[in-house]
Amino acid sequence: MAALDRSAVRFTASALTDLKPTALADFHRWWAERLSAGVFEVTPLAFADLNGWYFAPGSGNLVHESGKFFEVSGMRVDSGDGRQWSQPIIHQPEVGILGVLVKEIDGVLHCLLQAKMEPGNVSTLQLSPTVQATRSNYTRVHGGAQTRYLEHFRGPGRGRVLVDVLQSEQGFWCWHKQNRNMVVEATGDVPLHEDFVWLPLSQVWQLMRCENLVNMNTRTVLGCLPLARPPKALVPVEDPFRAALLRSYGPVGDEAGSEAEAEALHTLTDVVSWLTEMKTRTAWTSRLVPLDEVAGFSRTADALADDDEQNFAIVARGVRAGNREVTRWTQPLLEPRRQGLAVFVAKRVGGVVHLLVRARPEPGLLGRVEIGPTVRRPPAFDAVLSSGPEPFHSHVSCADPAQVRFDTVMSEEGGRFLHAETRYQVVEVGDDFPRDVPEDYCWLTVQQLTELVRHSHYLTVEARSLLACVHSLW
């Protein structure tokens, strides 16, 4: 625990670092150089023009000839009350690495992030982790170059591990998908490649305000960081919301952990028991089926699309990227029909910000239910699992702009999803918002969420992104 506390103090110092006046201008100058230096091209294809991909006889699954990477299979959901639903889903049983390398520069931890192109990115390049690679990629099934900086995350020579946890991905689009979220401190020299940049957390938090810049994988790793409540002397606070937010990170220094629990509406034990109860009440089941057995989707020469145009399509793309391990390839992508929405409602209770979360079932999650946002409108239509409109959507949609503490449209993972965007918001509510909420909702402090995210499969990928957004409000 002492090592975790020390790491939290160091990450907190990085989040509070004063930036030189030119820091953001310097970053955007470097970013423009990376855009102009690269050759990036994404071209629509017919399925027949995919290289190495084919629809397997017997199942109809869209697979790669190597048997690696991923496949597009089918999923069937039984609701428990007679309703059924089927859809295509991405099945990738291998575990990838999402890793951020950190290093002290002038006494402050900096993160090594890269300008990386993914075929589904809205804005071509996005700010990605140091290493963002599936097992098929880093074992070089594609025959391409070695993944840069991989040696810091694997093998006997890797650095000092600060965060290492398996986390889920989108349970409406992926079947039991999980990646290893890692933060590793470099123990020696790290030669800097031109596509990479060292940034303190304070600068990363500022960049999260830019649309479609900080990618999903960076957000999920940074959402797993340990952070501590900074001493008052270091953070003079005039905004009452910000003061209450910082108190949500727990006690300062050597104050007892029991005091932190006393500031929360629920103990952490109660929160874990609540989530366990919600899991046991989930009646629906899901299973993989051949893609040929999926109803409500029709295949043409260049798309496997939902007939009612409410969900998504599977499409094919040819890719050219000069700064990738392989410079040319083809692949399928999942293209959603609409923009998603993910919101944390924040309320000051006893001078401490609490975030309202919901136990959310998603058919592709390994544990079926995880802690998600207060309000989530997935880009994929949820006709079977949804029992009606989101209960608190009206509070969010009608919020006074002064109550919206964070509001940025950000992309989901561009290696599997085409132009998938979600609007991430943190919305403060007043005393008139009820403290008593439906049984599948719960009020948590930031400290409690930060503690839970140290463990696998507690927070959805959208909740982890939102937690990183909350951290940026310092």
Protein backbone atom coordinates (compact mmCIF):
# COMPACT_ATOMS: atom_id res chain seq x y z
CA MET A 1 0.00 0.00 0.00
CA ALA A 2 2.91 2.33 0.73
CA ALA A 3 4.13 1.98 -2.88
CA LEU A 4 0.65 2.88 -4.13
CA ASP A 5 0.51 5.92 -1.85
CA ARG A 6 3.91 7.09 -3.09
CA SER A 7 2.80 6.65 -6.71
CA ALA A 8 -0.40 8.59 -6.00
CA VAL A 9 1.60 11.48 -4.56
CA ARG A 10 3.90 11.56 -7.59
CA PHE A 11 1.03 11.44 -10.10
CA THR A 12 -0.75 14.17 -8.15
CA ALA A 13 2.36 16.36 -8.37
CA SER A 14 2.43 15.76 -12.14
CA ALA A 15 -1.24 16.76 -12.37
CA LEU A 16 -0.51 20.03 -10.53
CA THR A 17 2.60 21.00 -12.50
CA ASP A 18 2.63 24.58 -13.73
CA LEU A 19 3.13 24.62 -17.49
CA LYS A 20 5.37 27.11 -19.18
CA PRO A 21 3.35 29.66 -21.19
CA THR A 22 4.36 28.13 -24.51
CA ALA A 23 3.66 24.49 -23.56
CA LEU A 24 0.36 24.08 -25.42
CA ALA A 25 1.62 26.04 -28.44
CA ASP A 26 4.73 23.83 -28.53
CA PHE A 27 2.57 20.71 -28.41
CA HIS A 28 0.26 21.83 -31.22
CA ARG A 29 3.27 22.79 -33.34
CA TRP A 30 4.69 19.28 -32.87
CA TRP A 31 1.26 17.80 -33.60
CA ALA A 32 0.97 19.72 -36.88
CA GLU A 33 4.43 18.49 -37.86
CA ARG A 34 3.42 14.86 -37.27
CA LEU A 35 0.30 15.33 -39.37
CA SER A 36 2.21 16.84 -42.26
CA ALA A 37 5.06 14.31 -42.04
CA GLY A 38 2.83 11.25 -42.36
CA VAL A 39 1.14 9.56 -45.29
CA PHE A 40 -2.35 8.48 -44.20
CA GLU A 41 -5.12 7.08 -46.35
CA VAL A 42 -8.28 5.08 -45.61
CA THR A 43 -10.26 3.76 -48.58
CA PRO A 44 -13.69 2.04 -48.67
CA LEU A 45 -13.53 -1.50 -50.05
CA ALA A 46 -15.86 -4.29 -51.02
CA PHE A 47 -15.56 -7.38 -48.82
CA ALA A 48 -14.15 -9.26 -51.80
CA ASP A 49 -11.19 -6.87 -51.86
CA LEU A 50 -10.11 -7.58 -48.29
CA ASN A 51 -6.66 -9.14 -48.27
CA GLY A 52 -6.50 -12.22 -46.02
CA TRP A 53 -10.05 -11.85 -44.71
CA TYR A 54 -12.98 -14.03 -45.77
CA PHE A 55 -16.42 -15.24 -44.71
CA ALA A 56 -15.84 -18.75 -43.34
CA PRO A 57 -17.93 -21.54 -44.91
CA GLY A 58 -20.35 -23.08 -42.44
CA SER A 59 -20.52 -20.19 -39.98
CA GLY A 60 -20.35 -17.10 -42.16
CA ASN A 61 -17.97 -15.51 -39.62
CA LEU A 62 -15.63 -12.87 -41.07
CA VAL A 63 -12.18 -14.19 -40.17
CA HIS A 64 -8.49 -13.67 -40.96
CA GLU A 65 -6.59 -16.43 -42.71
CA SER A 66 -3.93 -16.47 -39.94
CA GLY A 67 -6.52 -17.38 -37.32
CA LYS A 68 -5.26 -14.37 -35.32
CA PHE A 69 -6.27 -10.71 -34.92
CA PHE A 70 -10.06 -10.84 -34.47
CA GLU A 71 -13.19 -12.15 -36.16
CA VAL A 72 -16.70 -10.84 -36.64
CA SER A 73 -19.00 -13.47 -35.19
CA GLY A 74 -22.63 -13.45 -34.07
CA MET A 75 -24.11 -13.00 -30.59
CA ARG A 76 -27.54 -14.00 -29.32
CA VAL A 77 -29.09 -12.46 -26.19
CA ASP A 78 -31.99 -14.04 -24.27
CA SER A 79 -33.65 -11.54 -21.95
CA GLY A 80 -35.15 -14.12 -19.58
CA ASP A 81 -38.73 -13.11 -20.35
CA GLY A 82 -39.02 -14.55 -23.85
CA ARG A 83 -37.41 -11.75 -25.84
CA GLN A 84 -34.36 -12.41 -27.99
CA TRP A 85 -31.90 -10.32 -29.91
CA SER A 86 -28.98 -11.15 -32.20
CA GLN A 87 -26.24 -9.06 -33.78
CA PRO A 88 -22.69 -9.23 -35.17
CA ILE A 89 -19.97 -8.80 -32.56
CA ILE A 90 -16.18 -8.52 -32.57
CA HIS A 91 -14.55 -11.58 -31.01
CA GLN A 92 -10.89 -11.22 -30.08
CA PRO A 93 -9.91 -13.61 -27.27
CA GLU A 94 -6.30 -12.45 -27.07
CA VAL A 95 -5.26 -9.81 -24.50
CA GLY A 96 -3.46 -6.73 -25.78
CA ILE A 97 -1.27 -4.18 -24.00
CA LEU A 98 -2.27 -0.56 -23.46
CA GLY A 99 0.81 0.86 -21.79
CA VAL A 100 1.93 4.34 -20.77
CA LEU A 101 5.63 4.78 -20.00
CA VAL A 102 6.42 7.44 -17.40
CA LYS A 103 9.70 9.06 -16.40
CA GLU A 104 10.79 11.82 -14.06
CA ILE A 105 11.85 14.93 -15.93
CA ASP A 106 13.02 17.82 -13.73
CA GLY A 107 11.54 15.98 -10.77
CA VAL A 108 8.05 15.59 -12.30
CA LEU A 109 6.53 12.44 -13.80
CA HIS A 110 5.89 12.78 -17.53
CA CYS A 111 3.90 10.40 -19.74
CA LEU A 112 5.29 9.21 -23.07
CA LEU A 113 2.44 9.41 -25.59
CA GLN A 114 2.43 8.94 -29.34
CA ALA A 115 0.79 10.49 -32.36
CA LYS A 116 -0.79 7.37 -33.82
CA MET A 117 -2.97 6.81 -36.85
CA GLU A 118 -5.82 4.31 -36.67
CA PRO A 119 -8.10 3.60 -39.66
CA GLY A 120 -11.27 4.46 -37.74
CA ASN A 121 -10.02 7.72 -36.23
CA VAL A 122 -12.16 10.78 -36.88
CA SER A 123 -9.11 13.05 -37.08
CA THR A 124 -6.46 10.67 -38.51
CA LEU A 125 -3.92 11.04 -35.67
CA GLN A 126 -4.83 10.80 -32.01
CA LEU A 127 -2.77 10.96 -28.82
CA SER A 128 -2.24 7.32 -27.94
CA PRO A 129 -0.46 5.33 -25.21
CA THR A 130 3.24 4.53 -25.54
CA VAL A 131 2.26 0.98 -26.52
CA GLN A 132 -1.13 0.17 -27.99
CA ALA A 133 -0.94 -3.31 -29.45
CA THR A 134 -2.89 -6.54 -29.62
CA ARG A 135 -1.00 -9.76 -28.97
CA SER A 136 -1.12 -10.51 -32.70
CA ASN A 137 0.52 -7.13 -33.35
CA TYR A 138 3.30 -7.29 -30.78
CA THR A 139 4.10 -10.92 -31.68
CA ARG A 140 4.32 -9.64 -35.29
CA VAL A 141 1.80 -11.96 -36.92
CA HIS A 142 1.54 -9.23 -39.57
CA GLY A 143 5.25 -9.61 -40.40
CA GLY A 144 5.90 -5.94 -39.74
CA ALA A 145 8.32 -4.01 -37.55
CA GLN A 146 8.73 -4.42 -33.80
CA THR A 147 6.39 -2.37 -31.60
CA ARG A 148 8.35 0.60 -30.26
CA TYR A 149 9.06 0.68 -26.51
CA LEU A 150 7.51 -2.77 -25.99
CA GLU A 151 10.59 -3.87 -24.02
CA HIS A 152 9.58 -1.53 -21.18
CA PHE A 153 6.36 -3.52 -20.64
CA ARG A 154 7.37 -7.16 -21.25
CA GLY A 155 10.24 -9.37 -20.24
CA PRO A 156 12.89 -9.25 -17.51
CA GLY A 157 14.17 -5.82 -18.53
CA ARG A 158 10.87 -4.01 -18.18
CA GLY A 159 10.57 -0.94 -15.94
CA ARG A 160 8.97 -0.46 -12.53
CA VAL A 161 5.27 -1.33 -12.76
CA LEU A 162 2.96 1.28 -11.21
CA VAL A 163 -0.39 0.12 -12.68
CA ASP A 164 -1.20 -3.29 -14.15
CA VAL A 165 -4.84 -4.37 -14.45
CA LEU A 166 -7.09 -6.14 -16.96
CA GLN A 167 -10.00 -3.96 -18.08
CA SER A 168 -12.99 -4.55 -20.33
CA GLU A 169 -13.96 -2.82 -23.55
CA GLN A 170 -17.35 -2.04 -25.14
CA GLY A 171 -19.76 -4.80 -24.16
CA PHE A 172 -22.21 -4.01 -26.97
CA TRP A 173 -19.59 -4.37 -29.70
CA CYS A 174 -17.00 -6.82 -28.32
CA TRP A 175 -17.28 -10.29 -26.83
CA HIS A 176 -15.39 -10.68 -23.52
CA LYS A 177 -12.75 -8.23 -24.77
CA GLN A 178 -10.14 -7.15 -22.26
CA ASN A 179 -6.79 -5.41 -22.41
CA ARG A 180 -3.92 -5.09 -20.00
CA ASN A 181 -3.84 -1.45 -18.82
CA MET A 182 -0.31 -0.65 -17.65
CA VAL A 183 1.72 2.28 -16.39
CA VAL A 184 5.44 1.57 -16.13
CA GLU A 185 8.21 3.84 -14.90
CA ALA A 186 11.36 3.77 -17.05
CA THR A 187 14.49 2.83 -15.13
CA GLY A 188 17.03 3.97 -17.72
CA ASP A 189 17.47 6.19 -20.73
CA VAL A 190 14.60 6.30 -23.23
CA PRO A 191 15.57 7.49 -26.72
CA LEU A 192 12.76 9.67 -28.04
CA HIS A 193 11.26 8.82 -31.43
CA GLU A 194 9.86 11.73 -33.42
CA ASP A 195 6.27 10.38 -33.21
CA PHE A 196 6.34 10.45 -29.39
CA VAL A 197 6.24 13.24 -26.81
CA TRP A 198 6.76 13.56 -23.04
CA LEU A 199 3.87 15.34 -21.27
CA PRO A 200 3.07 15.96 -17.59
CA LEU A 201 -0.43 15.01 -16.52
CA SER A 202 -1.41 18.67 -16.17
CA GLN A 203 -0.89 19.12 -19.91
CA VAL A 204 -2.68 15.90 -20.81
CA TRP A 205 -5.68 17.05 -18.75
CA GLN A 206 -5.78 20.31 -20.76
CA LEU A 207 -5.58 18.44 -24.05
CA MET A 208 -8.61 16.33 -23.08
CA ARG A 209 -10.69 19.43 -23.75
CA CYS A 210 -9.82 19.13 -27.46
CA GLU A 211 -12.30 17.11 -29.51
CA ASN A 212 -11.08 13.74 -30.83
CA LEU A 213 -7.49 14.27 -29.67
CA VAL A 214 -6.83 12.02 -26.65
CA ASN A 215 -7.79 8.53 -27.76
CA MET A 216 -9.84 5.96 -25.85
CA ASN A 217 -6.89 3.79 -24.92
CA THR A 218 -5.00 6.71 -23.38
CA ARG A 219 -8.10 7.67 -21.41
CA THR A 220 -8.70 4.19 -20.05
CA VAL A 221 -5.09 3.84 -18.85
CA LEU A 222 -5.07 7.31 -17.26
CA GLY A 223 -8.43 6.53 -15.67
CA CYS A 224 -6.64 3.73 -13.76
CA LEU A 225 -4.07 6.06 -12.18
CA PRO A 226 -3.79 6.39 -8.40
CA LEU A 227 -4.23 10.03 -7.37
CA ALA A 228 -4.18 11.68 -3.95
CA ARG A 229 -5.97 14.70 -2.56
CA PRO A 230 -3.47 17.58 -2.72
CA PRO A 231 -2.75 19.64 0.41
CA LYS A 232 -4.69 22.91 0.60
CA ALA A 233 -1.46 24.91 0.58
CA LEU A 234 -0.68 23.61 -2.92
CA VAL A 235 -4.14 24.25 -4.38
CA PRO A 236 -5.76 27.52 -3.35
CA VAL A 237 -9.40 26.95 -4.28
CA GLU A 238 -12.01 29.65 -4.78
CA ASP A 239 -14.57 27.58 -6.71
CA PRO A 240 -16.75 25.67 -4.16
CA PHE A 241 -17.29 22.82 -6.64
CA ARG A 242 -13.57 22.35 -7.15
CA ALA A 243 -12.97 22.40 -3.40
CA ALA A 244 -15.64 19.72 -2.93
CA LEU A 245 -14.18 17.72 -5.81
CA LEU A 246 -10.72 17.66 -4.23
CA ARG A 247 -12.26 16.51 -0.92
CA SER A 248 -13.78 13.61 -2.90
CA TYR A 249 -10.24 12.22 -3.32
CA GLY A 250 -10.11 11.36 0.38
CA PRO A 251 -8.09 12.65 3.34
CA VAL A 252 -4.82 14.54 3.05
CA GLY A 253 -1.49 13.00 3.98
CA ASP A 254 -1.51 10.59 6.93
CA GLU A 255 -5.17 11.02 7.89
CA ALA A 256 -6.87 7.73 8.68
CA GLY A 257 -8.71 5.84 5.96
CA SER A 258 -11.77 5.64 8.22
CA GLU A 259 -12.21 9.41 7.87
CA ALA A 260 -12.36 9.07 4.08
CA GLU A 261 -15.08 6.44 4.43
CA ALA A 262 -16.98 8.71 6.81
CA GLU A 263 -17.13 11.42 4.13
CA ALA A 264 -18.78 9.02 1.68
CA LEU A 265 -22.46 8.09 1.65
CA HIS A 266 -21.57 4.39 1.45
CA THR A 267 -18.61 2.31 2.54
CA LEU A 268 -16.58 0.59 -0.15
CA THR A 269 -17.73 -2.77 1.20
CA ASP A 270 -21.33 -1.69 0.72
CA VAL A 271 -20.56 -0.56 -2.83
CA VAL A 272 -19.02 -3.91 -3.76
CA SER A 273 -21.99 -5.72 -2.20
CA TRP A 274 -24.40 -3.49 -4.16
CA LEU A 275 -22.70 -4.33 -7.46
CA THR A 276 -22.67 -8.04 -6.60
CA GLU A 277 -26.39 -7.88 -5.88
CA MET A 278 -27.04 -6.18 -9.22
CA LYS A 279 -25.12 -8.93 -10.99
CA THR A 280 -27.15 -11.67 -9.33
CA ARG A 281 -30.40 -10.01 -10.42
CA THR A 282 -29.46 -9.96 -14.09
CA ALA A 283 -31.69 -12.56 -15.75
CA TRP A 284 -30.56 -12.32 -19.38
CA THR A 285 -27.90 -14.51 -20.95
CA SER A 286 -25.77 -14.14 -24.06
CA ARG A 287 -23.73 -16.51 -26.22
CA LEU A 288 -21.79 -16.58 -29.44
CA VAL A 289 -23.52 -17.94 -32.53
CA PRO A 290 -22.45 -18.18 -36.18
CA LEU A 291 -22.75 -14.90 -38.03
CA ASP A 292 -25.09 -16.61 -40.51
CA GLU A 293 -27.64 -17.03 -37.68
CA VAL A 294 -27.89 -13.31 -36.91
CA ALA A 295 -31.31 -11.84 -37.74
CA GLY A 296 -32.03 -8.24 -38.70
CA PHE A 297 -28.74 -7.66 -40.55
CA SER A 298 -28.30 -7.96 -44.31
CA ARG A 299 -25.09 -8.32 -46.28
CA THR A 300 -24.27 -6.53 -49.52
CA ALA A 301 -21.00 -6.41 -51.42
CA ASP A 302 -19.54 -3.74 -49.13
CA ALA A 303 -21.50 -3.79 -45.84
CA LEU A 304 -23.18 -6.05 -43.30
CA ALA A 305 -25.76 -3.60 -41.97
CA ASP A 306 -28.75 -3.53 -39.62
CA ASP A 307 -32.03 -3.47 -41.50
CA ASP A 308 -33.65 -0.77 -39.34
CA GLU A 309 -30.61 1.54 -39.49
CA GLN A 310 -30.60 2.01 -35.70
CA ASN A 311 -27.48 0.07 -34.76
CA PHE A 312 -24.31 -0.32 -36.83
CA ALA A 313 -22.75 -1.80 -39.94
CA ILE A 314 -19.65 -3.89 -40.56
CA VAL A 315 -17.64 -2.37 -43.43
CA ALA A 316 -14.26 -2.95 -45.11
CA ARG A 317 -11.39 -0.50 -45.46
CA GLY A 318 -7.99 -0.36 -47.09
CA VAL A 319 -5.36 1.47 -45.04
CA ARG A 320 -2.10 3.23 -45.80
CA ALA A 321 -0.07 4.63 -42.88
CA GLY A 322 3.61 5.42 -43.22
CA ASN A 323 4.35 5.48 -39.48
CA ARG A 324 2.88 2.08 -38.54
CA GLU A 325 4.68 -1.27 -38.10
CA VAL A 326 2.93 -2.35 -41.33
CA THR A 327 2.40 0.47 -43.82
CA ARG A 328 -0.45 -1.08 -45.85
CA TRP A 329 -3.25 -3.44 -44.85
CA THR A 330 -7.00 -4.11 -45.13
CA GLN A 331 -9.50 -4.90 -42.40
CA PRO A 332 -13.16 -4.83 -41.37
CA LEU A 333 -14.44 -2.09 -39.05
CA LEU A 334 -17.65 -1.58 -37.05
CA GLU A 335 -19.39 1.68 -38.03
CA PRO A 336 -22.04 2.99 -35.58
CA ARG A 337 -25.10 4.91 -36.79
CA ARG A 338 -24.99 7.75 -34.25
CA GLN A 339 -22.97 9.59 -31.64
CA GLY A 340 -23.02 8.18 -28.12
CA LEU A 341 -23.44 10.03 -24.82
CA ALA A 342 -21.80 9.26 -21.46
CA VAL A 343 -22.43 11.45 -18.40
CA PHE A 344 -21.46 11.50 -14.74
CA VAL A 345 -23.89 13.45 -12.60
CA ALA A 346 -21.95 15.14 -9.76
CA LYS A 347 -23.56 16.32 -6.52
CA ARG A 348 -22.04 17.95 -3.44
CA VAL A 349 -23.06 15.98 -0.36
CA GLY A 350 -21.66 17.18 2.95
CA GLY A 351 -19.09 19.27 1.10
CA VAL A 352 -17.80 16.27 -0.88
CA VAL A 353 -18.52 15.63 -4.57
CA HIS A 354 -20.27 12.32 -5.17
CA LEU A 355 -20.71 10.84 -8.64
CA LEU A 356 -23.88 8.96 -9.52
CA VAL A 357 -23.10 5.64 -11.22
CA ARG A 358 -25.28 2.86 -12.54
CA ALA A 359 -24.79 -0.91 -12.55
CA ARG A 360 -25.01 -1.53 -16.30
CA PRO A 361 -25.51 -4.89 -18.00
CA GLU A 362 -23.81 -5.29 -21.36
CA PRO A 363 -24.11 -8.61 -23.21
CA GLY A 364 -20.48 -8.85 -24.26
CA LEU A 365 -18.93 -8.15 -20.84
CA LEU A 366 -17.11 -11.02 -19.19
CA GLY A 367 -18.93 -10.39 -15.89
CA ARG A 368 -22.17 -9.20 -17.55
CA VAL A 369 -22.52 -6.11 -15.30
CA GLU A 370 -20.06 -3.30 -14.52
CA ILE A 371 -20.25 0.19 -13.04
CA GLY A 372 -21.09 2.69 -15.77
CA PRO A 373 -22.05 6.35 -16.19
CA THR A 374 -25.20 7.94 -14.77
CA VAL A 375 -26.50 8.40 -18.31
CA ARG A 376 -25.27 6.44 -21.29
CA ARG A 377 -26.74 6.42 -24.75
CA PRO A 378 -24.72 3.88 -26.70
CA PRO A 379 -24.06 4.41 -30.39
CA ALA A 380 -25.55 0.92 -30.75
CA PHE A 381 -29.31 0.61 -30.24
CA ASP A 382 -30.20 -1.38 -27.10
CA ALA A 383 -33.75 -2.57 -27.81
CA VAL A 384 -33.78 -5.68 -25.61
CA LEU A 385 -31.81 -4.71 -22.50
CA SER A 386 -33.28 -1.22 -22.19
CA SER A 387 -36.47 -0.88 -20.16
CA GLY A 388 -37.13 2.66 -21.34
CA PRO A 389 -35.52 6.10 -21.42
CA GLU A 390 -32.52 6.77 -19.19
CA PRO A 391 -34.02 7.90 -15.84
CA PHE A 392 -31.85 11.01 -15.43
CA HIS A 393 -31.44 12.02 -19.06
CA SER A 394 -33.76 15.03 -18.67
CA HIS A 395 -31.60 16.43 -15.85
CA VAL A 396 -28.58 16.27 -18.14
CA SER A 397 -30.19 17.55 -21.33
CA CYS A 398 -31.74 20.55 -19.55
CA ALA A 399 -28.73 21.44 -17.42
CA ASP A 400 -27.66 25.07 -17.09
CA PRO A 401 -24.41 25.50 -19.09
CA ALA A 402 -22.75 26.76 -15.89
CA GLN A 403 -23.42 23.32 -14.35
CA VAL A 404 -21.66 21.44 -17.16
CA ARG A 405 -18.16 21.01 -15.77
CA PHE A 406 -16.78 18.92 -18.65
CA ASP A 407 -18.11 18.54 -22.18
CA THR A 408 -16.03 17.10 -25.02
CA VAL A 409 -16.70 14.77 -27.95
CA MET A 410 -14.06 12.02 -28.01
CA SER A 411 -13.48 8.99 -30.19
CA GLU A 412 -13.73 5.35 -29.28
CA GLU A 413 -11.05 2.87 -30.35
CA GLY A 414 -10.10 3.56 -33.97
CA GLY A 415 -8.51 0.19 -34.62
CA ARG A 416 -11.88 -1.60 -34.59
CA PHE A 417 -14.53 1.15 -34.86
CA LEU A 418 -15.05 3.60 -37.72
CA HIS A 419 -15.74 7.20 -36.66
CA ALA A 420 -17.25 6.12 -33.33
CA GLU A 421 -17.74 9.23 -31.19
CA THR A 422 -19.11 9.74 -27.70
CA ARG A 423 -19.94 13.03 -26.01
CA TYR A 424 -18.46 12.88 -22.52
CA GLN A 425 -19.94 15.17 -19.87
CA VAL A 426 -19.66 15.83 -16.14
CA VAL A 427 -22.78 17.70 -15.01
CA GLU A 428 -23.18 19.19 -11.55
CA VAL A 429 -26.65 19.07 -9.98
CA GLY A 430 -28.06 21.02 -7.03
CA ASP A 431 -29.83 20.23 -3.78
CA ASP A 432 -33.11 19.59 -5.63
CA PHE A 433 -31.61 16.48 -7.29
CA PRO A 434 -32.67 13.45 -5.22
CA ARG A 435 -30.17 11.64 -3.03
CA ASP A 436 -32.51 8.64 -3.02
CA VAL A 437 -32.07 6.91 -6.39
CA PRO A 438 -33.28 3.67 -8.03
CA GLU A 439 -31.66 0.50 -6.72
CA ASP A 440 -29.36 0.06 -9.71
CA TYR A 441 -27.78 3.46 -9.04
CA CYS A 442 -25.29 4.43 -6.34
CA TRP A 443 -23.46 7.58 -5.16
CA LEU A 444 -19.66 7.13 -5.02
CA THR A 445 -16.77 9.44 -4.19
CA VAL A 446 -13.88 9.82 -6.62
CA GLN A 447 -11.64 8.04 -4.10
CA GLN A 448 -13.95 5.01 -4.15
CA LEU A 449 -13.97 4.86 -7.95
CA THR A 450 -10.19 5.23 -7.98
CA GLU A 451 -9.92 2.32 -5.55
CA LEU A 452 -12.30 0.12 -7.58
CA VAL A 453 -10.54 0.77 -10.88
CA ARG A 454 -7.36 -0.75 -9.44
CA HIS A 455 -9.17 -4.08 -9.91
CA SER A 456 -10.42 -5.80 -13.05
CA HIS A 457 -13.94 -5.50 -14.44
CA TYR A 458 -15.48 -3.01 -12.02
CA LEU A 459 -15.77 0.06 -14.31
CA THR A 460 -16.89 0.09 -17.94
CA VAL A 461 -14.64 1.71 -20.53
CA GLU A 462 -16.94 4.75 -20.64
CA ALA A 463 -16.77 5.10 -16.85
CA ARG A 464 -12.97 4.92 -16.95
CA SER A 465 -12.91 7.62 -19.64
CA LEU A 466 -15.21 9.77 -17.51
CA LEU A 467 -13.01 9.23 -14.46
CA ALA A 468 -10.07 10.62 -16.46
CA CYS A 469 -12.33 13.57 -17.39
CA VAL A 470 -13.07 14.14 -13.69
CA HIS A 471 -9.34 14.11 -12.91
CA SER A 472 -8.85 16.84 -15.51
CA LEU A 473 -11.13 19.22 -13.54
CA TRP A 474 -8.43 19.99 -10.98
